[in-house]
Structures are given as C-alpha cells and as structure tokens.
Amino acid sequence: MVKLTRDHVWPVGITIVLLIVVAVNVVFIVLAVGGQDEVAESYTEGKR
C-alpha cells in the first residue's frame, strides 16, 4: 500500500476536490439538457 507523506497530501486533496467539482458540473449539465422544454412547432415552421 502507498503511504501518503506530507508532500503528497495537498496534491491528492486537490485532485479529489477537482474530481468532485467536475462530477457536480456533469450532473448539472445532464439535468439542464435532459429537462429542456420542447420547442413549439409554430415557432420552427412559421413565417417570420
């Protein structure tokens, strides 16, 4: 097993925090894209 020394604690901690931030952002993107409203046909097919 790898022993974490004092020199390795900060890089490992920063890496874990960044992975959590990326995971939360992916969840937000999935929720935003998946919950989008349908566009009305009159908007896409009508004259402007």
N, C-alpha and C. Protein backbone atom coordinates (compact mmCIF):
# COMPACT_ATOMS: atom_id res chain seq x y z
N MET A 1 0.85 -1.19 0.00
CA MET A 1 0.00 0.00 0.00
C MET A 1 0.89 1.24 0.00
N VAL A 2 0.40 2.28 -0.66
CA VAL A 2 1.17 3.52 -0.76
C VAL A 2 0.96 4.34 0.50
N LYS A 3 2.05 4.80 1.06
CA LYS A 3 1.96 5.64 2.26
C LYS A 3 1.96 7.10 1.83
N LEU A 4 0.93 7.84 2.28
CA LEU A 4 0.85 9.26 1.95
C LEU A 4 1.74 10.06 2.90
N THR A 5 2.70 10.72 2.32
CA THR A 5 3.55 11.58 3.13
C THR A 5 2.97 12.99 3.12
N ARG A 6 3.57 13.84 3.88
CA ARG A 6 3.10 15.22 3.96
C ARG A 6 3.16 15.91 2.61
N ASP A 7 4.14 15.55 1.77
CA ASP A 7 4.28 16.17 0.46
C ASP A 7 3.18 15.74 -0.51
N HIS A 8 2.54 14.61 -0.25
CA HIS A 8 1.52 14.10 -1.17
C HIS A 8 0.10 14.45 -0.76
N VAL A 9 -0.09 14.95 0.43
CA VAL A 9 -1.45 15.21 0.92
C VAL A 9 -2.14 16.29 0.10
N TRP A 10 -1.48 17.41 -0.14
CA TRP A 10 -2.12 18.50 -0.89
C TRP A 10 -2.44 18.14 -2.33
N PRO A 11 -1.53 17.55 -3.09
CA PRO A 11 -1.89 17.18 -4.46
C PRO A 11 -3.05 16.18 -4.52
N VAL A 12 -3.06 15.23 -3.61
CA VAL A 12 -4.16 14.25 -3.59
C VAL A 12 -5.46 14.94 -3.21
N GLY A 13 -5.43 15.81 -2.23
CA GLY A 13 -6.64 16.53 -1.83
C GLY A 13 -7.18 17.41 -2.93
N ILE A 14 -6.29 18.12 -3.60
CA ILE A 14 -6.72 18.99 -4.71
C ILE A 14 -7.32 18.16 -5.84
N THR A 15 -6.71 17.02 -6.13
CA THR A 15 -7.23 16.15 -7.18
C THR A 15 -8.62 15.64 -6.84
N ILE A 16 -8.83 15.23 -5.60
CA ILE A 16 -10.14 14.74 -5.18
C ILE A 16 -11.18 15.85 -5.26
N VAL A 17 -10.84 17.04 -4.81
CA VAL A 17 -11.78 18.17 -4.86
C VAL A 17 -12.12 18.51 -6.31
N LEU A 18 -11.13 18.52 -7.20
CA LEU A 18 -11.40 18.81 -8.61
C LEU A 18 -12.29 17.74 -9.24
N LEU A 19 -12.09 16.49 -8.88
CA LEU A 19 -12.96 15.43 -9.40
C LEU A 19 -14.40 15.60 -8.93
N ILE A 20 -14.57 16.03 -7.69
CA ILE A 20 -15.92 16.29 -7.17
C ILE A 20 -16.56 17.45 -7.92
N VAL A 21 -15.80 18.51 -8.17
CA VAL A 21 -16.33 19.67 -8.90
C VAL A 21 -16.75 19.27 -10.30
N VAL A 22 -15.93 18.48 -10.98
CA VAL A 22 -16.26 18.02 -12.33
C VAL A 22 -17.52 17.15 -12.30
N ALA A 23 -17.63 16.26 -11.32
CA ALA A 23 -18.81 15.40 -11.22
C ALA A 23 -20.08 16.21 -11.00
N VAL A 24 -20.02 17.22 -10.14
CA VAL A 24 -21.20 18.07 -9.89
C VAL A 24 -21.58 18.83 -11.15
N ASN A 25 -20.58 19.33 -11.89
CA ASN A 25 -20.87 20.04 -13.13
C ASN A 25 -21.50 19.12 -14.17
N VAL A 26 -21.06 17.89 -14.25
CA VAL A 26 -21.65 16.93 -15.18
C VAL A 26 -23.11 16.67 -14.81
N VAL A 27 -23.39 16.56 -13.52
CA VAL A 27 -24.78 16.36 -13.08
C VAL A 27 -25.63 17.57 -13.47
N PHE A 28 -25.13 18.77 -13.27
CA PHE A 28 -25.88 19.97 -13.66
C PHE A 28 -26.14 19.99 -15.16
N ILE A 29 -25.16 19.62 -15.97
CA ILE A 29 -25.33 19.62 -17.43
C ILE A 29 -26.38 18.60 -17.83
N VAL A 30 -26.32 17.41 -17.25
CA VAL A 30 -27.29 16.36 -17.58
C VAL A 30 -28.70 16.81 -17.21
N LEU A 31 -28.85 17.43 -16.05
CA LEU A 31 -30.18 17.91 -15.63
C LEU A 31 -30.67 19.03 -16.54
N ALA A 32 -29.79 19.93 -16.94
CA ALA A 32 -30.19 21.07 -17.77
C ALA A 32 -30.59 20.61 -19.17
N VAL A 33 -29.83 19.71 -19.74
CA VAL A 33 -30.11 19.25 -21.10
C VAL A 33 -31.30 18.30 -21.10
N GLY A 34 -31.41 17.46 -20.11
CA GLY A 34 -32.49 16.49 -20.06
C GLY A 34 -33.83 17.12 -19.72
N GLY A 35 -33.85 18.23 -19.03
CA GLY A 35 -35.10 18.85 -18.63
C GLY A 35 -35.54 20.00 -19.51
N GLN A 36 -34.98 20.09 -20.70
CA GLN A 36 -35.32 21.23 -21.56
C GLN A 36 -36.75 21.10 -22.09
N ASP A 37 -37.39 22.23 -22.32
CA ASP A 37 -38.74 22.26 -22.84
C ASP A 37 -38.74 22.01 -24.34
N GLU A 38 -39.82 21.43 -24.81
CA GLU A 38 -39.97 21.22 -26.25
C GLU A 38 -40.27 22.55 -26.93
N VAL A 39 -39.74 22.73 -28.14
CA VAL A 39 -39.98 23.95 -28.91
C VAL A 39 -41.28 23.78 -29.68
N ALA A 40 -42.14 24.79 -29.63
CA ALA A 40 -43.43 24.72 -30.31
C ALA A 40 -43.22 24.67 -31.83
N GLU A 41 -44.04 23.86 -32.52
CA GLU A 41 -43.91 23.73 -33.97
C GLU A 41 -44.14 25.06 -34.67
N SER A 42 -45.04 25.88 -34.15
CA SER A 42 -45.32 27.15 -34.79
C SER A 42 -44.10 28.06 -34.80
N TYR A 43 -43.22 27.88 -33.84
CA TYR A 43 -42.02 28.70 -33.78
C TYR A 43 -41.01 28.27 -34.84
N THR A 44 -40.88 26.99 -35.08
CA THR A 44 -39.88 26.49 -36.01
C THR A 44 -40.35 26.46 -37.45
N GLU A 45 -41.68 26.42 -37.70
CA GLU A 45 -42.18 26.25 -39.06
C GLU A 45 -42.90 27.48 -39.61
N GLY A 46 -43.23 28.43 -38.78
CA GLY A 46 -43.99 29.58 -39.24
C GLY A 46 -43.15 30.63 -39.94
N LYS A 47 -43.85 31.56 -40.69
CA LYS A 47 -43.15 32.67 -41.31
C LYS A 47 -42.71 33.66 -40.27
N ARG A 48 -41.64 34.35 -40.58
CA ARG A 48 -41.14 35.35 -39.63
C ARG A 48 -41.20 36.72 -40.24
